[in-house]
Amino acid sequence: MKEGIHPGYRDVCFVDLSNGFKFVTRSCAQSKEMIKMDDGRELPLFKVETTSESHPFYTGTQKSIDNLGGRVEKFRNKFAKLTAKK
């Protein structure tokens, strides 16, 4: 690889703003904020809105539209006649 043309690839800390979950990974993204970790390292900080710890898909709290009824059931009842003709 050529020297001096690649961005710095280093450890960074991501913090979930909804629950405070932190995880360290490697990235070349730039940040102005820093965070002091428990082990004494000072890493660039990235604040994110959601992670796998808070997203409904990963936490199992996702709702299925089919189970909600209401508009879905109205649609099915309204167009049930059209599908029966085929």
C-alpha atoms as a PDB file:
ATOM      1  CA  MET A   1       0.000   0.000   0.000  1.00  0.00           C
ATOM      2  CA  LYS A   2       1.133   3.549  -0.626  1.00  0.00           C
ATOM      3  CA  GLU A   3       2.036   5.551   2.448  1.00  0.00           C
ATOM      4  CA  GLY A   4       0.025   8.648   3.413  1.00  0.00           C
ATOM      5  CA  ILE A   5      -3.045   8.152   1.181  1.00  0.00           C
ATOM      6  CA  HIS A   6      -5.212   5.988   3.446  1.00  0.00           C
ATOM      7  CA  PRO A   7      -7.324   7.357   6.321  1.00  0.00           C
ATOM      8  CA  GLY A   8      -6.437   6.377   9.867  1.00  0.00           C
ATOM      9  CA  TYR A   9      -8.147   3.091  10.809  1.00  0.00           C
ATOM     10  CA  ARG A  10      -8.458   2.948  14.584  1.00  0.00           C
ATOM     11  CA  ASP A  11     -10.631   1.903  17.513  1.00  0.00           C
ATOM     12  CA  VAL A  12     -13.702   4.100  18.066  1.00  0.00           C
ATOM     13  CA  CYS A  13     -16.557   3.997  20.580  1.00  0.00           C
ATOM     14  CA  PHE A  14     -20.228   4.124  19.579  1.00  0.00           C
ATOM     15  CA  VAL A  15     -22.818   5.089  22.211  1.00  0.00           C
ATOM     16  CA  ASP A  16     -26.548   4.394  21.875  1.00  0.00           C
ATOM     17  CA  LEU A  17     -28.342   7.567  23.016  1.00  0.00           C
ATOM     18  CA  SER A  18     -31.555   5.736  23.909  1.00  0.00           C
ATOM     19  CA  ASN A  19     -30.055   3.402  26.534  1.00  0.00           C
ATOM     20  CA  GLY A  20     -26.365   4.267  26.982  1.00  0.00           C
ATOM     21  CA  PHE A  21     -25.069   1.009  25.456  1.00  0.00           C
ATOM     22  CA  LYS A  22     -21.432   1.368  24.357  1.00  0.00           C
ATOM     23  CA  PHE A  23     -19.385  -0.755  21.996  1.00  0.00           C
ATOM     24  CA  VAL A  24     -15.908  -0.406  20.533  1.00  0.00           C
ATOM     25  CA  THR A  25     -15.115  -1.227  16.930  1.00  0.00           C
ATOM     26  CA  ARG A  26     -12.656  -0.077  14.306  1.00  0.00           C
ATOM     27  CA  SER A  27     -13.436   2.727  11.869  1.00  0.00           C
ATOM     28  CA  CYS A  28     -11.814   5.511   9.875  1.00  0.00           C
ATOM     29  CA  ALA A  29     -14.669   7.973  10.504  1.00  0.00           C
ATOM     30  CA  GLN A  30     -13.665  11.323  12.000  1.00  0.00           C
ATOM     31  CA  SER A  31     -15.058  12.666  15.271  1.00  0.00           C
ATOM     32  CA  LYS A  32     -14.411  15.780  17.352  1.00  0.00           C
ATOM     33  CA  GLU A  33     -15.634  14.204  20.593  1.00  0.00           C
ATOM     34  CA  MET A  34     -13.588  11.824  22.742  1.00  0.00           C
ATOM     35  CA  ILE A  35     -14.567   9.429  25.550  1.00  0.00           C
ATOM     36  CA  LYS A  36     -12.453   7.957  28.349  1.00  0.00           C
ATOM     37  CA  MET A  37     -13.012   4.206  28.535  1.00  0.00           C
ATOM     38  CA  ASP A  38     -12.928   2.095  31.719  1.00  0.00           C
ATOM     39  CA  ASP A  39      -9.560   0.623  30.738  1.00  0.00           C
ATOM     40  CA  GLY A  40      -7.989   4.098  30.472  1.00  0.00           C
ATOM     41  CA  ARG A  41      -8.018   4.478  26.680  1.00  0.00           C
ATOM     42  CA  GLU A  42      -9.330   7.689  25.165  1.00  0.00           C
ATOM     43  CA  LEU A  43     -11.263   6.949  21.978  1.00  0.00           C
ATOM     44  CA  PRO A  44     -13.208   9.004  19.422  1.00  0.00           C
ATOM     45  CA  LEU A  45     -16.927   9.051  20.329  1.00  0.00           C
ATOM     46  CA  PHE A  46     -19.851   8.560  17.957  1.00  0.00           C
ATOM     47  CA  LYS A  47     -23.410   9.032  19.207  1.00  0.00           C
ATOM     48  CA  VAL A  48     -26.083   6.980  17.447  1.00  0.00           C
ATOM     49  CA  GLU A  49     -29.872   6.926  17.853  1.00  0.00           C
ATOM     50  CA  THR A  50     -30.335   3.156  17.797  1.00  0.00           C
ATOM     51  CA  THR A  51     -28.253  -0.006  17.932  1.00  0.00           C
ATOM     52  CA  SER A  52     -28.987  -3.712  18.115  1.00  0.00           C
ATOM     53  CA  GLU A  53     -29.582  -3.219  21.860  1.00  0.00           C
ATOM     54  CA  SER A  54     -32.516  -0.830  21.303  1.00  0.00           C
ATOM     55  CA  HIS A  55     -33.946  -1.555  17.820  1.00  0.00           C
ATOM     56  CA  PRO A  56     -37.316  -3.382  17.956  1.00  0.00           C
ATOM     57  CA  PHE A  57     -36.252  -5.935  15.332  1.00  0.00           C
ATOM     58  CA  TYR A  58     -33.354  -7.158  17.466  1.00  0.00           C
ATOM     59  CA  THR A  59     -35.041  -6.844  20.864  1.00  0.00           C
ATOM     60  CA  GLY A  60     -38.097  -8.875  19.827  1.00  0.00           C
ATOM     61  CA  THR A  61     -40.613  -6.090  20.442  1.00  0.00           C
ATOM     62  CA  GLN A  62     -41.426  -5.589  16.771  1.00  0.00           C
ATOM     63  CA  LYS A  63     -45.151  -5.604  15.987  1.00  0.00           C
ATOM     64  CA  SER A  64     -46.586  -7.451  13.029  1.00  0.00           C
ATOM     65  CA  ILE A  65     -49.093  -5.542  10.914  1.00  0.00           C
ATOM     66  CA  ASP A  66     -51.157  -8.707  10.371  1.00  0.00           C
ATOM     67  CA  ASN A  67     -51.835  -8.998  14.099  1.00  0.00           C
ATOM     68  CA  LEU A  68     -52.941  -5.384  14.519  1.00  0.00           C
ATOM     69  CA  GLY A  69     -56.246  -5.830  12.663  1.00  0.00           C
ATOM     70  CA  GLY A  70     -58.041  -2.602  11.829  1.00  0.00           C
ATOM     71  CA  ARG A  71     -57.029  -1.320   8.404  1.00  0.00           C
ATOM     72  CA  VAL A  72     -55.534  -4.620   7.282  1.00  0.00           C
ATOM     73  CA  GLU A  73     -58.733  -6.518   8.077  1.00  0.00           C
ATOM     74  CA  LYS A  74     -60.857  -3.855   6.335  1.00  0.00           C
ATOM     75  CA  PHE A  75     -58.676  -4.188   3.233  1.00  0.00           C
ATOM     76  CA  ARG A  76     -58.904  -7.978   3.222  1.00  0.00           C
ATOM     77  CA  ASN A  77     -62.696  -7.904   3.653  1.00  0.00           C
ATOM     78  CA  LYS A  78     -63.107  -5.274   0.951  1.00  0.00           C
ATOM     79  CA  PHE A  79     -61.081  -7.155  -1.658  1.00  0.00           C
ATOM     80  CA  ALA A  80     -61.936 -10.730  -0.639  1.00  0.00           C
ATOM     81  CA  LYS A  81     -64.539 -10.869  -3.446  1.00  0.00           C
ATOM     82  CA  LEU A  82     -61.954 -10.033  -6.104  1.00  0.00           C
ATOM     83  CA  THR A  83     -59.611 -12.828  -5.102  1.00  0.00           C
ATOM     84  CA  ALA A  84     -62.451 -15.383  -4.930  1.00  0.00           C
ATOM     85  CA  LYS A  85     -63.314 -14.840  -8.653  1.00  0.00           C
ATOM     86  CA  LYS A  86     -59.914 -16.060  -9.856  1.00  0.00           C
END
